[in-house]
Amino acid sequence: MEQVKLKRWASRNVRNGYPMIIEQDVVKKPQSEEGDLVELVDSEGKFLAVAYLGNEKKSAGWVISRERGQMLTDELLLSLFQKAKDYRKT
């Protein structure tokens, strides 16, 4: 899994739970393609999260897990969707 280094402010955002990654957040554009998973690291190379690359209007990707090595599975997607649904109910 490719490691993508984030700029200082973007690393802080990810640590604080912000899920969206924009192109300006990364130090160097990843070699991975849209739909791939990457490891996000800070400027010192410390692991932050696993993200899904997906170019949309404003985003370049989304954090899916803060667990190293996390893979995109049906169970993970269901869990993420359920969390989003529960959040919207509050």
C-alpha atoms as a PDB file:
ATOM      1  CA  MET A   1       0.000   0.000   0.000  1.00  0.00           C
ATOM      2  CA  GLU A   2       1.454   3.356  -1.033  1.00  0.00           C
ATOM      3  CA  GLN A   3       2.247   5.893   1.661  1.00  0.00           C
ATOM      4  CA  VAL A   4       1.024   9.430   1.031  1.00  0.00           C
ATOM      5  CA  LYS A   5       2.667  12.194   3.045  1.00  0.00           C
ATOM      6  CA  LEU A   6       0.368  14.962   4.246  1.00  0.00           C
ATOM      7  CA  LYS A   7       1.205  18.565   4.989  1.00  0.00           C
ATOM      8  CA  ARG A   8       1.237  19.663   8.631  1.00  0.00           C
ATOM      9  CA  TRP A   9      -2.267  21.190   8.742  1.00  0.00           C
ATOM     10  CA  ALA A  10      -3.772  18.204   6.921  1.00  0.00           C
ATOM     11  CA  SER A  11      -2.116  15.802   9.380  1.00  0.00           C
ATOM     12  CA  ARG A  12      -3.672  17.774  12.234  1.00  0.00           C
ATOM     13  CA  ASN A  13      -7.089  17.588  10.542  1.00  0.00           C
ATOM     14  CA  VAL A  14      -6.848  13.806  10.135  1.00  0.00           C
ATOM     15  CA  ARG A  15      -5.761  13.393  13.774  1.00  0.00           C
ATOM     16  CA  ASN A  16      -8.783  15.478  14.803  1.00  0.00           C
ATOM     17  CA  GLY A  17     -11.163  13.207  12.886  1.00  0.00           C
ATOM     18  CA  TYR A  18     -11.720  15.170   9.682  1.00  0.00           C
ATOM     19  CA  PRO A  19     -12.305  12.528   6.978  1.00  0.00           C
ATOM     20  CA  MET A  20     -11.856  14.401   3.691  1.00  0.00           C
ATOM     21  CA  ILE A  21      -8.493  14.737   1.933  1.00  0.00           C
ATOM     22  CA  ILE A  22      -8.043  17.409  -0.741  1.00  0.00           C
ATOM     23  CA  GLU A  23      -5.277  17.685  -3.342  1.00  0.00           C
ATOM     24  CA  GLN A  24      -3.623  20.562  -1.473  1.00  0.00           C
ATOM     25  CA  ASP A  25      -3.246  18.342   1.620  1.00  0.00           C
ATOM     26  CA  VAL A  26      -0.642  16.058   0.046  1.00  0.00           C
ATOM     27  CA  VAL A  27       3.061  16.781  -0.340  1.00  0.00           C
ATOM     28  CA  LYS A  28       3.355  14.796  -3.599  1.00  0.00           C
ATOM     29  CA  LYS A  29       0.553  13.442  -5.782  1.00  0.00           C
ATOM     30  CA  PRO A  30       0.150   9.683  -5.185  1.00  0.00           C
ATOM     31  CA  GLN A  31       1.066   7.162  -7.866  1.00  0.00           C
ATOM     32  CA  SER A  32      -1.938   5.059  -6.869  1.00  0.00           C
ATOM     33  CA  GLU A  33      -5.097   5.320  -8.908  1.00  0.00           C
ATOM     34  CA  GLU A  34      -8.632   6.311  -8.025  1.00  0.00           C
ATOM     35  CA  GLY A  35     -10.257   3.572  -5.960  1.00  0.00           C
ATOM     36  CA  ASP A  36      -6.986   2.440  -4.366  1.00  0.00           C
ATOM     37  CA  LEU A  37      -6.278   2.456  -0.653  1.00  0.00           C
ATOM     38  CA  VAL A  38      -3.265   4.369   0.652  1.00  0.00           C
ATOM     39  CA  GLU A  39      -1.638   4.934   4.040  1.00  0.00           C
ATOM     40  CA  LEU A  40      -1.616   8.550   5.138  1.00  0.00           C
ATOM     41  CA  VAL A  41       1.500   9.618   7.043  1.00  0.00           C
ATOM     42  CA  ASP A  42       2.591  12.901   8.612  1.00  0.00           C
ATOM     43  CA  SER A  43       5.684  14.896   7.673  1.00  0.00           C
ATOM     44  CA  GLU A  44       7.790  12.616   9.904  1.00  0.00           C
ATOM     45  CA  GLY A  45       6.454   9.448   8.270  1.00  0.00           C
ATOM     46  CA  LYS A  46       4.230   8.459  11.222  1.00  0.00           C
ATOM     47  CA  PHE A  47       1.097   6.512  10.298  1.00  0.00           C
ATOM     48  CA  LEU A  48      -2.165   8.482  10.500  1.00  0.00           C
ATOM     49  CA  ALA A  49      -4.852   6.519   8.680  1.00  0.00           C
ATOM     50  CA  VAL A  50      -5.885   4.430   5.699  1.00  0.00           C
ATOM     51  CA  ALA A  51      -7.682   6.395   2.987  1.00  0.00           C
ATOM     52  CA  TYR A  52      -9.614   5.642  -0.179  1.00  0.00           C
ATOM     53  CA  LEU A  53      -8.581   7.685  -3.221  1.00  0.00           C
ATOM     54  CA  GLY A  54     -11.530   9.118  -5.077  1.00  0.00           C
ATOM     55  CA  ASN A  55     -11.620  12.333  -7.083  1.00  0.00           C
ATOM     56  CA  GLU A  56     -14.844  14.200  -6.518  1.00  0.00           C
ATOM     57  CA  LYS A  57     -15.706  17.895  -6.678  1.00  0.00           C
ATOM     58  CA  LYS A  58     -13.592  18.980  -3.725  1.00  0.00           C
ATOM     59  CA  SER A  59     -12.022  15.814  -2.401  1.00  0.00           C
ATOM     60  CA  ALA A  60      -9.110  13.657  -3.473  1.00  0.00           C
ATOM     61  CA  GLY A  61      -9.934  10.929  -0.976  1.00  0.00           C
ATOM     62  CA  TRP A  62     -11.523   9.890   2.301  1.00  0.00           C
ATOM     63  CA  VAL A  63     -10.185   8.423   5.522  1.00  0.00           C
ATOM     64  CA  ILE A  64     -11.777   5.012   6.065  1.00  0.00           C
ATOM     65  CA  SER A  65      -9.844   3.787   9.107  1.00  0.00           C
ATOM     66  CA  ARG A  66      -7.237   4.741  11.636  1.00  0.00           C
ATOM     67  CA  GLU A  67      -6.057   1.132  11.829  1.00  0.00           C
ATOM     68  CA  ARG A  68      -2.937   0.299   9.833  1.00  0.00           C
ATOM     69  CA  GLY A  69      -3.518  -2.372   7.188  1.00  0.00           C
ATOM     70  CA  GLN A  70      -7.303  -1.945   7.105  1.00  0.00           C
ATOM     71  CA  MET A  71      -8.810  -3.292   3.906  1.00  0.00           C
ATOM     72  CA  LEU A  72     -12.043  -2.187   2.271  1.00  0.00           C
ATOM     73  CA  THR A  73     -14.544  -4.935   3.078  1.00  0.00           C
ATOM     74  CA  ASP A  74     -18.323  -5.240   3.046  1.00  0.00           C
ATOM     75  CA  GLU A  75     -18.317  -5.255   6.845  1.00  0.00           C
ATOM     76  CA  LEU A  76     -16.276  -2.048   7.013  1.00  0.00           C
ATOM     77  CA  LEU A  77     -18.537  -0.295   4.511  1.00  0.00           C
ATOM     78  CA  LEU A  78     -21.665  -1.351   6.394  1.00  0.00           C
ATOM     79  CA  SER A  79     -20.129  -0.095   9.623  1.00  0.00           C
ATOM     80  CA  LEU A  80     -19.199   3.264   8.080  1.00  0.00           C
ATOM     81  CA  PHE A  81     -22.651   3.707   6.541  1.00  0.00           C
ATOM     82  CA  GLN A  82     -24.332   2.829   9.839  1.00  0.00           C
ATOM     83  CA  LYS A  83     -22.178   5.349  11.726  1.00  0.00           C
ATOM     84  CA  ALA A  84     -23.080   8.039   9.175  1.00  0.00           C
ATOM     85  CA  LYS A  85     -26.775   7.185   9.435  1.00  0.00           C
ATOM     86  CA  ASP A  86     -26.686   7.256  13.249  1.00  0.00           C
ATOM     87  CA  TYR A  87     -24.822  10.575  13.189  1.00  0.00           C
ATOM     88  CA  ARG A  88     -27.485  12.147  10.986  1.00  0.00           C
ATOM     89  CA  LYS A  89     -30.222  11.070  13.429  1.00  0.00           C
ATOM     90  CA  THR A  90     -28.679  13.122  16.251  1.00  0.00           C
END
